[in-house]
Protein backbone atom coordinates (compact mmCIF):
# COMPACT_ATOMS: atom_id res chain seq x y z
CA MET A 1 5.80 2.83 9.47
CA ARG A 2 5.65 0.26 6.76
CA MET A 3 3.58 2.29 4.33
CA LYS A 4 5.00 5.31 2.53
CA GLU A 5 2.84 8.06 1.07
CA LEU A 6 2.98 8.74 -2.65
CA ASP A 7 2.42 12.19 -4.13
CA VAL A 8 -0.88 12.86 -5.83
CA ASN A 9 -0.84 16.20 -7.63
CA ILE A 10 -3.54 18.88 -7.40
CA ASP A 11 -5.30 17.41 -10.45
CA GLY A 12 -5.57 14.02 -8.74
CA ILE A 13 -2.94 12.41 -10.92
CA LEU A 14 -0.60 9.81 -9.44
CA GLN A 15 2.69 9.42 -11.25
CA VAL A 16 4.81 6.46 -10.14
CA ASP A 17 8.26 5.51 -11.40
CA THR A 18 8.14 1.70 -11.34
CA MET A 19 11.93 1.52 -11.33
CA GLU A 20 11.96 3.16 -7.90
CA LEU A 21 9.35 0.82 -6.36
CA PRO A 22 10.24 -2.46 -4.60
CA SER A 23 9.94 -5.52 -6.86
CA ASN A 24 6.88 -6.79 -4.90
CA CYS A 25 4.66 -4.07 -3.48
CA VAL A 26 1.09 -2.94 -3.09
CA ILE A 27 -0.29 0.54 -3.86
CA ILE A 28 -3.50 1.46 -2.02
CA LEU A 29 -5.68 4.40 -3.08
CA SER A 30 -8.33 5.86 -0.79
CA ARG A 31 -9.79 9.29 -0.05
CA GLY A 32 -7.51 11.00 -2.53
CA LYS A 33 -4.35 9.56 -0.91
CA ALA A 34 -1.99 6.94 -2.24
CA LYS A 35 0.39 4.76 -0.20
CA VAL A 36 2.83 2.03 -1.13
CA ALA A 37 4.21 -0.81 0.95
CA GLU A 38 6.65 -3.59 0.18
CA LEU A 39 5.16 -7.07 0.50
CA PRO A 40 6.94 -9.38 2.98
CA ALA A 41 8.19 -12.80 1.88
CA PHE A 42 5.57 -14.76 3.88
CA ALA A 43 2.50 -12.90 5.13
CA GLU A 44 -1.23 -12.45 4.83
CA THR A 45 -2.16 -8.84 4.15
CA LYS A 46 -5.64 -7.64 4.97
CA ILE A 47 -7.14 -4.33 3.85
CA VAL A 48 -9.94 -3.33 6.20
CA THR A 49 -12.54 -0.94 4.82
CA HIS A 50 -15.38 1.06 6.35
CA GLN A 51 -18.08 2.66 4.23
CA GLY A 52 -16.00 2.12 1.08
CA GLN A 53 -12.83 3.72 2.44
CA VAL A 54 -9.62 2.09 3.61
CA LYS A 55 -9.56 2.11 7.39
CA ARG A 56 -6.57 -0.12 8.18
CA VAL A 57 -3.99 -2.44 6.63
CA LYS A 58 -2.90 -5.49 8.70
CA TRP A 59 -0.02 -7.83 8.13
CA ASP A 60 0.03 -11.31 9.65
CA GLU A 61 3.61 -12.38 9.02
CA GLY A 62 4.97 -15.86 9.30
CA GLU A 63 7.90 -17.97 8.30
CA GLU A 64 8.09 -21.31 6.49
CA PHE A 65 9.42 -24.14 8.68
């Protein structure tokens, strides 16, 4: 899987060490969960929601010619 889960403690606090994250990434929060994914060099990233919650994340990757 491309997305990796981040730990959210029992109090709902997300602590992230930015030195351990990829240089270009996205963090998505939904339903008390947090996930991180590195952004590809050339892509369109879509976050699909349903009733205000993240349902799916899609990547449409390409390459410059």
